[in-house]
N, C-alpha and C. Protein backbone atom coordinates (compact mmCIF):
# COMPACT_ATOMS: atom_id res chain seq x y z
N MET A 1 28.02 32.78 48.23
CA MET A 1 28.39 31.55 47.51
C MET A 1 27.10 30.81 47.27
N SER A 2 26.78 30.37 46.05
CA SER A 2 25.60 29.52 45.82
C SER A 2 25.97 28.06 46.00
N LYS A 3 24.99 27.36 46.40
CA LYS A 3 25.16 25.92 46.71
C LYS A 3 25.03 25.27 45.37
N PRO A 4 25.68 24.00 45.26
CA PRO A 4 25.50 23.31 43.96
C PRO A 4 24.12 22.78 43.82
N PRO A 5 23.71 22.61 42.61
CA PRO A 5 22.35 22.08 42.40
C PRO A 5 22.25 20.68 42.82
N ALA A 6 21.14 20.37 43.34
CA ALA A 6 20.67 19.01 43.80
C ALA A 6 20.88 18.05 42.54
N ALA A 7 21.36 16.82 42.86
CA ALA A 7 21.40 15.87 41.72
C ALA A 7 20.06 15.44 41.29
N LEU A 8 20.06 15.31 39.93
CA LEU A 8 18.68 14.95 39.33
C LEU A 8 18.46 13.45 39.62
N PRO A 9 17.22 13.15 40.13
CA PRO A 9 16.84 11.76 40.28
C PRO A 9 16.87 11.11 38.90
N CYS A 10 17.49 9.94 38.77
CA CYS A 10 17.35 9.29 37.50
C CYS A 10 17.32 7.80 37.62
N MET A 11 16.89 7.11 36.60
CA MET A 11 17.07 5.63 36.53
C MET A 11 18.20 5.37 35.88
N VAL A 12 19.08 4.46 36.42
CA VAL A 12 20.24 3.94 35.73
C VAL A 12 19.83 2.95 34.64
N PRO A 13 20.17 3.29 33.37
CA PRO A 13 19.84 2.41 32.22
C PRO A 13 20.50 1.12 32.42
N GLU A 14 19.86 0.08 31.84
CA GLU A 14 20.49 -1.21 31.89
C GLU A 14 21.85 -1.13 30.98
N ALA A 15 22.73 -2.10 31.39
CA ALA A 15 23.94 -2.08 30.67
C ALA A 15 23.78 -2.40 29.20
N GLY A 16 24.50 -1.53 28.32
CA GLY A 16 24.27 -1.72 26.92
C GLY A 16 23.34 -0.80 26.32
N ARG A 17 22.57 0.01 27.23
CA ARG A 17 21.67 0.92 26.62
C ARG A 17 22.53 2.24 26.52
N ILE A 18 22.19 2.93 25.39
CA ILE A 18 22.93 4.26 25.06
C ILE A 18 21.94 5.27 25.03
N VAL A 19 22.03 6.22 25.96
CA VAL A 19 20.99 7.32 26.16
C VAL A 19 21.83 8.63 26.19
N SER A 20 21.11 9.71 25.76
CA SER A 20 21.85 10.98 25.82
C SER A 20 21.59 11.72 27.20
N SER A 21 20.47 11.41 27.79
CA SER A 21 20.09 12.01 29.06
C SER A 21 19.56 11.07 30.03
N GLN A 22 20.48 10.56 30.88
CA GLN A 22 20.07 9.48 31.71
C GLN A 22 19.01 9.79 32.77
N HIS A 23 18.94 11.13 33.11
CA HIS A 23 17.89 11.59 33.97
C HIS A 23 16.44 11.52 33.34
N LEU A 24 16.32 11.30 32.09
CA LEU A 24 15.13 11.22 31.38
C LEU A 24 14.58 9.76 31.25
N VAL A 25 15.37 8.89 31.46
CA VAL A 25 15.00 7.41 31.21
C VAL A 25 13.79 7.15 32.21
N SER A 26 12.81 6.59 31.55
CA SER A 26 11.57 6.26 32.26
C SER A 26 11.55 4.74 32.42
N PRO A 27 11.22 4.24 33.57
CA PRO A 27 10.99 2.75 33.76
C PRO A 27 9.83 2.17 32.80
N ARG A 28 9.00 3.07 32.29
CA ARG A 28 7.85 2.66 31.40
C ARG A 28 8.41 2.32 30.10
N SER A 29 9.55 2.92 29.76
CA SER A 29 10.12 2.50 28.36
C SER A 29 11.55 3.12 28.31
N PRO A 30 12.49 2.37 28.86
CA PRO A 30 13.86 2.82 28.70
C PRO A 30 14.31 2.84 27.15
N GLU A 31 13.62 2.03 26.37
CA GLU A 31 14.02 2.01 25.04
C GLU A 31 13.68 3.30 24.30
N LEU A 32 12.67 4.04 24.80
CA LEU A 32 12.32 5.33 24.15
C LEU A 32 13.56 6.34 24.36
N SER A 33 14.25 6.27 25.44
CA SER A 33 15.41 7.20 25.59
C SER A 33 16.52 6.80 24.61
N GLU A 34 16.67 5.45 24.43
CA GLU A 34 17.52 5.00 23.36
C GLU A 34 17.16 5.50 21.90
N LEU A 35 15.84 5.35 21.66
CA LEU A 35 15.38 5.83 20.39
C LEU A 35 15.63 7.30 20.23
N GLU A 36 15.19 8.13 21.35
CA GLU A 36 15.53 9.54 21.16
C GLU A 36 16.86 9.87 20.86
N TYR A 37 17.85 9.13 21.44
CA TYR A 37 19.28 9.47 21.25
C TYR A 37 19.54 9.05 19.81
N GLY A 38 18.98 8.03 19.33
CA GLY A 38 19.16 7.56 17.89
C GLY A 38 18.69 8.58 16.92
N MET A 39 17.47 9.16 17.34
CA MET A 39 16.86 10.33 16.47
C MET A 39 17.78 11.53 16.48
N ILE A 40 18.41 11.79 17.56
CA ILE A 40 19.27 13.01 17.54
C ILE A 40 20.52 12.84 16.73
N LEU A 41 21.05 11.54 16.85
CA LEU A 41 22.13 11.32 15.94
C LEU A 41 21.81 11.25 14.42
N ALA A 42 20.64 10.56 14.15
CA ALA A 42 20.19 10.45 12.82
C ALA A 42 19.90 11.89 12.23
N TRP A 43 19.14 12.70 13.04
CA TRP A 43 18.76 13.96 12.52
C TRP A 43 20.01 14.84 12.15
N ASN A 44 21.01 14.73 13.05
CA ASN A 44 22.18 15.69 12.80
C ASN A 44 23.00 15.10 11.62
N ALA A 45 23.00 13.84 11.54
CA ALA A 45 23.75 13.26 10.35
C ALA A 45 23.01 13.46 9.08
N PHE A 46 21.60 13.39 9.08
CA PHE A 46 20.86 13.67 7.95
C PHE A 46 20.96 15.17 7.51
N SER A 47 20.96 16.06 8.49
CA SER A 47 21.07 17.41 8.20
C SER A 47 22.47 17.73 7.62
N ARG A 48 23.53 17.22 8.15
CA ARG A 48 24.78 17.42 7.59
C ARG A 48 24.89 16.79 6.15
N TRP A 49 24.24 15.68 5.93
CA TRP A 49 24.24 15.12 4.56
C TRP A 49 23.61 16.02 3.67
N MET A 50 22.37 16.53 3.85
CA MET A 50 21.62 17.28 3.02
C MET A 50 22.44 18.68 2.73
N ILE A 51 23.12 19.27 3.64
CA ILE A 51 23.82 20.42 3.49
C ILE A 51 25.09 20.22 2.60
N ARG A 52 25.70 19.02 2.87
CA ARG A 52 26.94 18.73 2.02
C ARG A 52 26.60 18.26 0.54
N ALA A 53 25.66 17.51 0.53
CA ALA A 53 25.08 17.09 -0.75
C ALA A 53 24.65 18.31 -1.69
N SER A 54 24.04 19.27 -0.95
CA SER A 54 23.61 20.50 -1.72
C SER A 54 24.81 21.34 -2.08
N ALA A 55 25.79 21.34 -1.31
CA ALA A 55 26.98 21.91 -1.76
C ALA A 55 27.71 21.33 -2.94
N ALA A 56 27.63 19.87 -2.99
CA ALA A 56 28.16 19.16 -3.99
C ALA A 56 27.55 19.43 -5.36
N THR A 57 26.27 19.93 -5.34
CA THR A 57 25.48 20.30 -6.52
C THR A 57 25.91 21.75 -6.93
N GLY A 58 26.82 22.39 -6.22
CA GLY A 58 27.13 23.78 -6.67
C GLY A 58 26.32 24.81 -5.97
N VAL A 59 25.42 24.40 -4.94
CA VAL A 59 24.69 25.39 -4.12
C VAL A 59 25.11 25.24 -2.68
N PRO A 60 26.25 26.07 -2.33
CA PRO A 60 26.58 26.05 -0.89
C PRO A 60 25.67 26.93 -0.09
N ASP A 61 25.94 27.00 1.19
CA ASP A 61 25.21 27.89 2.16
C ASP A 61 23.79 27.58 2.25
N MET A 62 23.31 26.39 1.92
CA MET A 62 21.98 26.06 2.17
C MET A 62 21.76 25.40 3.59
N THR A 63 20.78 25.65 4.22
CA THR A 63 20.49 24.97 5.47
C THR A 63 19.77 23.67 5.07
N ALA A 64 19.63 22.83 6.14
CA ALA A 64 18.89 21.54 5.93
C ALA A 64 17.30 21.86 5.57
N LEU A 65 16.80 22.93 6.16
CA LEU A 65 15.41 23.32 5.88
C LEU A 65 15.30 23.73 4.55
N ASP A 66 16.33 24.50 3.96
CA ASP A 66 16.25 24.96 2.59
C ASP A 66 16.21 23.77 1.64
N VAL A 67 17.02 22.82 1.91
CA VAL A 67 17.03 21.59 1.06
C VAL A 67 15.62 20.84 1.13
N LEU A 68 15.16 20.71 2.32
CA LEU A 68 13.84 20.11 2.41
C LEU A 68 12.73 20.87 1.74
N VAL A 69 12.74 22.17 1.90
CA VAL A 69 11.75 23.00 1.11
C VAL A 69 11.93 22.95 -0.26
N LEU A 70 13.19 22.98 -0.75
CA LEU A 70 13.45 22.81 -2.23
C LEU A 70 12.91 21.57 -2.75
N HIS A 71 13.16 20.53 -2.24
CA HIS A 71 12.74 19.11 -2.72
C HIS A 71 11.19 19.02 -2.58
N HIS A 72 10.67 19.69 -1.60
CA HIS A 72 9.16 19.54 -1.47
C HIS A 72 8.53 20.35 -2.55
N VAL A 73 9.00 21.53 -2.89
CA VAL A 73 8.49 22.34 -4.05
C VAL A 73 8.59 21.54 -5.25
N ALA A 74 9.67 20.75 -5.42
CA ALA A 74 9.86 19.80 -6.61
C ALA A 74 8.87 18.68 -6.68
N HIS A 75 8.41 18.13 -5.43
CA HIS A 75 7.55 17.12 -5.47
C HIS A 75 6.36 17.10 -6.33
N ARG A 76 6.21 16.14 -7.15
CA ARG A 76 4.98 16.07 -8.08
C ARG A 76 4.79 17.20 -9.04
N GLU A 77 5.81 18.09 -9.09
CA GLU A 77 5.73 19.22 -10.10
C GLU A 77 4.53 20.09 -10.05
N ARG A 78 3.96 20.34 -8.76
CA ARG A 78 2.81 21.08 -8.70
C ARG A 78 3.12 22.26 -7.84
N GLY A 79 2.53 23.46 -8.00
CA GLY A 79 2.69 24.48 -7.09
C GLY A 79 2.26 24.21 -5.68
N LYS A 80 3.12 24.73 -4.87
CA LYS A 80 2.87 24.63 -3.38
C LYS A 80 2.73 25.96 -2.68
N ARG A 81 1.70 25.97 -1.77
CA ARG A 81 1.43 27.16 -1.01
C ARG A 81 2.36 27.09 0.23
N LEU A 82 2.55 28.18 0.88
CA LEU A 82 3.46 28.22 2.08
C LEU A 82 2.81 27.30 3.08
N ALA A 83 1.52 27.34 3.38
CA ALA A 83 0.88 26.59 4.32
C ALA A 83 0.97 25.06 3.99
N ASP A 84 0.88 24.66 2.81
CA ASP A 84 1.06 23.31 2.37
C ASP A 84 2.49 22.77 2.77
N ILE A 85 3.46 23.62 2.39
CA ILE A 85 4.91 23.17 2.68
C ILE A 85 5.10 23.07 4.15
N CYS A 86 4.64 24.00 5.04
CA CYS A 86 4.74 23.79 6.37
C CYS A 86 4.00 22.56 6.94
N PHE A 87 2.87 22.28 6.45
CA PHE A 87 2.02 21.26 6.85
C PHE A 87 2.81 19.88 6.58
N VAL A 88 3.20 19.73 5.38
CA VAL A 88 3.81 18.46 4.91
C VAL A 88 5.36 18.33 5.63
N LEU A 89 5.95 19.39 5.84
CA LEU A 89 7.14 19.24 6.51
C LEU A 89 7.07 19.23 8.05
N ASN A 90 5.88 19.52 8.58
CA ASN A 90 5.64 19.54 10.03
C ASN A 90 6.35 20.74 10.70
N VAL A 91 6.32 21.82 9.97
CA VAL A 91 7.13 23.05 10.55
C VAL A 91 5.99 24.00 11.03
N GLU A 92 6.03 24.33 12.28
CA GLU A 92 5.08 25.21 12.96
C GLU A 92 5.19 26.70 12.54
N ASP A 93 6.40 27.13 12.51
CA ASP A 93 6.80 28.58 12.34
C ASP A 93 6.81 28.84 10.78
N THR A 94 5.78 29.51 10.21
CA THR A 94 5.72 29.74 8.76
C THR A 94 6.83 30.76 8.42
N HIS A 95 7.16 31.56 9.39
CA HIS A 95 8.25 32.62 8.94
C HIS A 95 9.63 31.95 8.60
N VAL A 96 9.82 30.74 9.28
CA VAL A 96 11.15 30.09 8.84
C VAL A 96 11.11 29.55 7.53
N VAL A 97 9.89 28.98 7.07
CA VAL A 97 9.76 28.52 5.75
C VAL A 97 9.74 29.65 4.69
N SER A 98 9.00 30.63 5.08
CA SER A 98 8.92 31.87 4.16
C SER A 98 10.25 32.38 3.92
N TYR A 99 11.15 32.49 4.97
CA TYR A 99 12.46 32.94 4.72
C TYR A 99 13.27 32.08 3.79
N SER A 100 13.04 30.68 3.92
CA SER A 100 13.82 29.76 3.19
C SER A 100 13.26 29.94 1.61
N LEU A 101 11.92 30.23 1.44
CA LEU A 101 11.48 30.36 0.14
C LEU A 101 12.08 31.58 -0.52
N ARG A 102 12.16 32.70 0.24
CA ARG A 102 12.85 33.87 -0.25
C ARG A 102 14.25 33.73 -0.61
N LYS A 103 14.91 33.00 0.17
CA LYS A 103 16.31 32.59 -0.01
C LYS A 103 16.46 31.82 -1.32
N LEU A 104 15.75 30.75 -1.46
CA LEU A 104 15.59 29.92 -2.69
C LEU A 104 15.33 30.70 -3.95
N ALA A 105 14.24 31.63 -3.81
CA ALA A 105 14.02 32.47 -4.95
C ALA A 105 15.14 33.41 -5.25
N GLY A 106 15.85 33.84 -4.29
CA GLY A 106 17.05 34.74 -4.53
C GLY A 106 18.21 33.95 -5.22
N LEU A 107 18.19 32.67 -5.03
CA LEU A 107 19.28 31.76 -5.60
C LEU A 107 18.76 31.33 -7.08
N GLY A 108 17.52 31.75 -7.32
CA GLY A 108 16.94 31.35 -8.62
C GLY A 108 16.58 29.94 -8.79
N LEU A 109 16.18 29.37 -7.64
CA LEU A 109 15.79 27.88 -7.62
C LEU A 109 14.31 27.78 -7.61
N VAL A 110 13.54 28.75 -7.05
CA VAL A 110 12.19 28.64 -7.07
C VAL A 110 11.55 29.95 -7.44
N ARG A 111 10.31 29.99 -7.90
CA ARG A 111 9.68 31.29 -8.25
C ARG A 111 8.24 31.20 -7.72
N SER A 112 7.62 32.22 -7.46
CA SER A 112 6.27 32.33 -6.92
C SER A 112 5.31 32.93 -8.05
N GLU A 113 4.17 32.51 -7.90
CA GLU A 113 3.09 32.90 -8.90
C GLU A 113 1.85 33.09 -7.98
N ARG A 114 1.15 34.32 -8.10
CA ARG A 114 0.00 34.60 -7.29
C ARG A 114 -1.17 34.05 -8.12
N ARG A 115 -2.05 33.52 -7.23
CA ARG A 115 -3.48 33.15 -7.74
C ARG A 115 -4.41 33.59 -6.78
N GLY A 116 -5.01 34.58 -7.09
CA GLY A 116 -5.93 35.33 -6.11
C GLY A 116 -4.98 35.96 -4.96
N LYS A 117 -5.48 35.56 -3.81
CA LYS A 117 -4.69 36.05 -2.59
C LYS A 117 -3.56 35.14 -2.23
N GLU A 118 -3.44 34.06 -2.86
CA GLU A 118 -2.47 33.00 -2.51
C GLU A 118 -1.26 33.07 -3.34
N ALA A 119 -0.08 32.73 -2.71
CA ALA A 119 1.19 32.60 -3.60
C ALA A 119 1.55 31.20 -3.70
N PHE A 120 1.76 30.70 -4.85
CA PHE A 120 2.20 29.29 -5.10
C PHE A 120 3.58 29.28 -5.56
N PHE A 121 4.46 28.29 -5.11
CA PHE A 121 5.77 28.26 -5.39
C PHE A 121 6.10 27.07 -6.29
N PHE A 122 6.92 27.20 -7.29
CA PHE A 122 7.26 26.41 -8.34
C PHE A 122 8.89 26.30 -8.53
N LEU A 123 9.39 25.20 -8.98
CA LEU A 123 10.87 25.13 -9.32
C LEU A 123 11.10 25.93 -10.57
N THR A 124 12.23 26.56 -10.69
CA THR A 124 12.72 27.23 -11.87
C THR A 124 13.46 26.01 -12.68
N ASP A 125 13.82 26.26 -13.80
CA ASP A 125 14.77 25.38 -14.62
C ASP A 125 16.01 25.06 -13.82
N LYS A 126 16.57 26.27 -13.29
CA LYS A 126 17.89 25.95 -12.45
C LYS A 126 17.52 25.07 -11.25
N GLY A 127 16.33 25.35 -10.55
CA GLY A 127 16.01 24.62 -9.47
C GLY A 127 15.85 23.03 -9.85
N CYS A 128 15.30 22.80 -10.92
CA CYS A 128 15.13 21.43 -11.44
C CYS A 128 16.58 20.85 -11.66
N GLU A 129 17.50 21.51 -12.26
CA GLU A 129 18.77 21.02 -12.44
C GLU A 129 19.43 20.70 -11.18
N VAL A 130 19.30 21.57 -10.13
CA VAL A 130 19.97 21.30 -8.86
C VAL A 130 19.18 20.00 -8.16
N CYS A 131 17.95 19.92 -8.31
CA CYS A 131 17.31 18.73 -7.75
C CYS A 131 17.89 17.47 -8.38
N LEU A 132 18.02 17.51 -9.66
CA LEU A 132 18.47 16.33 -10.38
C LEU A 132 19.96 16.02 -10.04
N ALA A 133 20.73 17.10 -9.85
CA ALA A 133 22.19 17.01 -9.44
C ALA A 133 22.14 16.37 -8.08
N TYR A 134 21.27 16.82 -7.26
CA TYR A 134 21.27 16.16 -5.85
C TYR A 134 20.91 14.75 -5.84
N ARG A 135 20.00 14.47 -6.67
CA ARG A 135 19.71 12.98 -6.95
C ARG A 135 20.97 12.11 -7.33
N ASP A 136 21.68 12.71 -8.17
CA ASP A 136 22.92 11.99 -8.70
C ASP A 136 23.91 11.87 -7.55
N VAL A 137 23.98 12.90 -6.80
CA VAL A 137 24.93 12.87 -5.61
C VAL A 137 24.46 11.84 -4.65
N ARG A 138 23.21 11.83 -4.36
CA ARG A 138 22.57 10.80 -3.48
C ARG A 138 22.75 9.36 -3.91
N GLU A 139 22.58 9.14 -5.31
CA GLU A 139 22.81 7.84 -5.73
C GLU A 139 24.30 7.41 -5.60
N SER A 140 25.17 8.34 -5.97
CA SER A 140 26.66 7.92 -5.88
C SER A 140 27.22 7.80 -4.51
N CYS A 141 26.75 8.72 -3.59
CA CYS A 141 27.42 8.80 -2.31
C CYS A 141 26.53 8.01 -1.18
N LEU A 142 25.30 7.88 -1.23
CA LEU A 142 24.44 7.45 -0.23
C LEU A 142 23.91 5.93 -0.65
N MET A 143 23.46 5.81 -1.85
CA MET A 143 22.59 4.62 -2.08
C MET A 143 23.56 3.31 -2.25
N GLU A 144 24.80 3.47 -2.61
CA GLU A 144 25.72 2.27 -2.68
C GLU A 144 25.85 1.63 -1.34
N GLY A 145 25.46 2.23 -0.22
CA GLY A 145 25.64 1.56 1.02
C GLY A 145 24.39 0.77 1.34
N PHE A 146 23.43 0.80 0.51
CA PHE A 146 22.17 -0.02 0.57
C PHE A 146 22.07 -1.21 -0.26
N SER A 147 21.74 -2.37 0.31
CA SER A 147 21.66 -3.56 -0.55
C SER A 147 20.55 -3.53 -1.61
N GLY A 148 19.46 -2.99 -1.26
CA GLY A 148 18.26 -2.94 -2.20
C GLY A 148 17.50 -4.29 -2.00
N SER A 149 17.93 -5.16 -1.06
CA SER A 149 17.11 -6.41 -0.80
C SER A 149 15.77 -6.16 -0.43
N GLU A 150 14.89 -7.05 -0.75
CA GLU A 150 13.42 -6.98 -0.23
C GLU A 150 13.39 -6.89 1.20
N GLU A 151 14.15 -7.69 1.94
CA GLU A 151 14.14 -7.70 3.39
C GLU A 151 14.65 -6.40 3.90
N ASP A 152 15.75 -5.82 3.53
CA ASP A 152 16.30 -4.58 3.97
C ASP A 152 15.26 -3.46 3.82
N ASN A 153 14.69 -3.38 2.58
CA ASN A 153 13.72 -2.48 2.26
C ASN A 153 12.43 -2.45 3.10
N ALA A 154 12.00 -3.71 3.37
CA ALA A 154 10.87 -3.93 4.28
C ALA A 154 11.19 -3.32 5.71
N ARG A 155 12.37 -3.59 6.15
CA ARG A 155 12.73 -3.09 7.56
C ARG A 155 12.82 -1.56 7.49
N ILE A 156 13.39 -0.96 6.42
CA ILE A 156 13.33 0.52 6.29
C ILE A 156 11.95 1.10 6.19
N GLY A 157 11.07 0.40 5.57
CA GLY A 157 9.59 0.76 5.54
C GLY A 157 8.95 0.61 6.84
N GLU A 158 9.27 -0.32 7.51
CA GLU A 158 8.70 -0.46 8.93
C GLU A 158 9.22 0.67 9.83
N LEU A 159 10.47 1.02 9.65
CA LEU A 159 10.96 2.09 10.58
C LEU A 159 10.41 3.45 10.16
N ALA A 160 10.24 3.65 8.89
CA ALA A 160 9.48 4.89 8.38
C ALA A 160 8.14 4.98 9.01
N ALA A 161 7.34 3.81 9.05
CA ALA A 161 6.07 3.93 9.63
C ALA A 161 6.13 4.18 11.24
N LEU A 162 7.11 3.55 11.87
CA LEU A 162 7.27 3.89 13.20
C LEU A 162 7.65 5.39 13.48
N LEU A 163 8.49 5.93 12.66
CA LEU A 163 8.88 7.26 12.88
C LEU A 163 7.62 8.22 12.65
N ARG A 164 6.69 7.82 11.67
CA ARG A 164 5.59 8.78 11.43
C ARG A 164 4.65 8.59 12.69
N MET A 165 4.51 7.49 13.24
CA MET A 165 3.66 7.18 14.24
C MET A 165 4.32 8.04 15.53
N LEU A 166 5.51 7.95 15.74
CA LEU A 166 6.18 8.66 16.86
C LEU A 166 6.03 10.17 16.66
N SER A 167 6.10 10.73 15.55
CA SER A 167 6.00 12.13 15.28
C SER A 167 4.48 12.62 15.72
N GLY A 168 3.55 11.77 15.58
CA GLY A 168 2.24 12.12 15.99
C GLY A 168 2.11 12.13 17.46
N ARG A 169 2.81 11.05 18.15
CA ARG A 169 2.79 11.16 19.57
C ARG A 169 3.66 12.36 20.18
N TYR A 170 4.76 12.69 19.52
CA TYR A 170 5.48 13.81 20.05
C TYR A 170 4.68 15.11 19.88
N ASP A 171 4.01 15.22 18.64
CA ASP A 171 3.15 16.46 18.29
C ASP A 171 1.95 16.48 19.48
N GLN A 172 1.41 15.38 19.87
CA GLN A 172 0.35 15.44 20.76
C GLN A 172 0.93 15.82 22.20
N ALA A 173 2.08 15.24 22.55
CA ALA A 173 2.69 15.70 23.77
C ALA A 173 3.06 17.11 23.77
N ALA A 174 3.46 17.66 22.52
CA ALA A 174 3.85 19.17 22.51
C ALA A 174 2.65 19.95 22.85
N ARG A 175 1.45 19.42 22.25
CA ARG A 175 0.23 20.34 22.48
C ARG A 175 -0.13 20.19 24.07
N ALA A 176 0.07 19.03 24.60
CA ALA A 176 -0.27 18.87 25.96
C ALA A 176 0.71 19.82 26.81
N ALA A 177 1.99 19.90 26.52
CA ALA A 177 2.93 20.57 27.28
C ALA A 177 2.70 22.09 27.11
N ALA A 178 2.17 22.62 25.96
CA ALA A 178 1.91 23.93 25.67
C ALA A 178 0.76 24.36 26.55
N THR A 179 -0.18 23.49 26.96
CA THR A 179 -1.29 23.92 27.80
C THR A 179 -0.98 23.54 29.24
N ALA A 180 0.01 22.84 29.58
CA ALA A 180 0.33 22.53 30.98
C ALA A 180 0.50 23.76 31.81
N VAL A 181 0.24 23.68 32.99
CA VAL A 181 0.52 24.65 34.05
C VAL A 181 1.81 24.47 34.80
N PRO A 182 2.72 25.43 34.62
CA PRO A 182 3.90 25.13 35.32
C PRO A 182 3.83 25.02 36.94
N GLY A 183 4.67 24.22 37.50
CA GLY A 183 4.66 24.12 38.91
C GLY A 183 3.73 23.16 39.36
């Protein structure tokens, strides 16, 4: 009979703090654990939103990554290479994005064009229609919940800057963890 695992040492968060993993709370920044939980909730809600908004455009069975890739291919109406898409979306595994591009091509939403040894991806007319329909769904379902006030938009901009800064810190920590010696 195995013995039960030892209890994880943890810091008890202050009253009112909402965290997903109490044992990860650090006295250096308990707020970071709150933020991580907020990012978990936000990412899952955002993913669910993208999938359902895509389905509302008549394209069901798309993953959140498929939606992100589609809209990035549409961005600025210029051809995108696989490496560029991965870089901008901060996706390390090119195979996952490559699979998404093949899926989008199979749906008739993107097409590829070879230039030398490189493949560039572009929207098709159908892909453009889907992106515009997605924008309409976004306007009618999501944007009415935003005031559009200068103050609210400034706060959203500050949060966006904070999230980009944090992504750099998490990327740096991931690189450090990848080279860390276990034990």
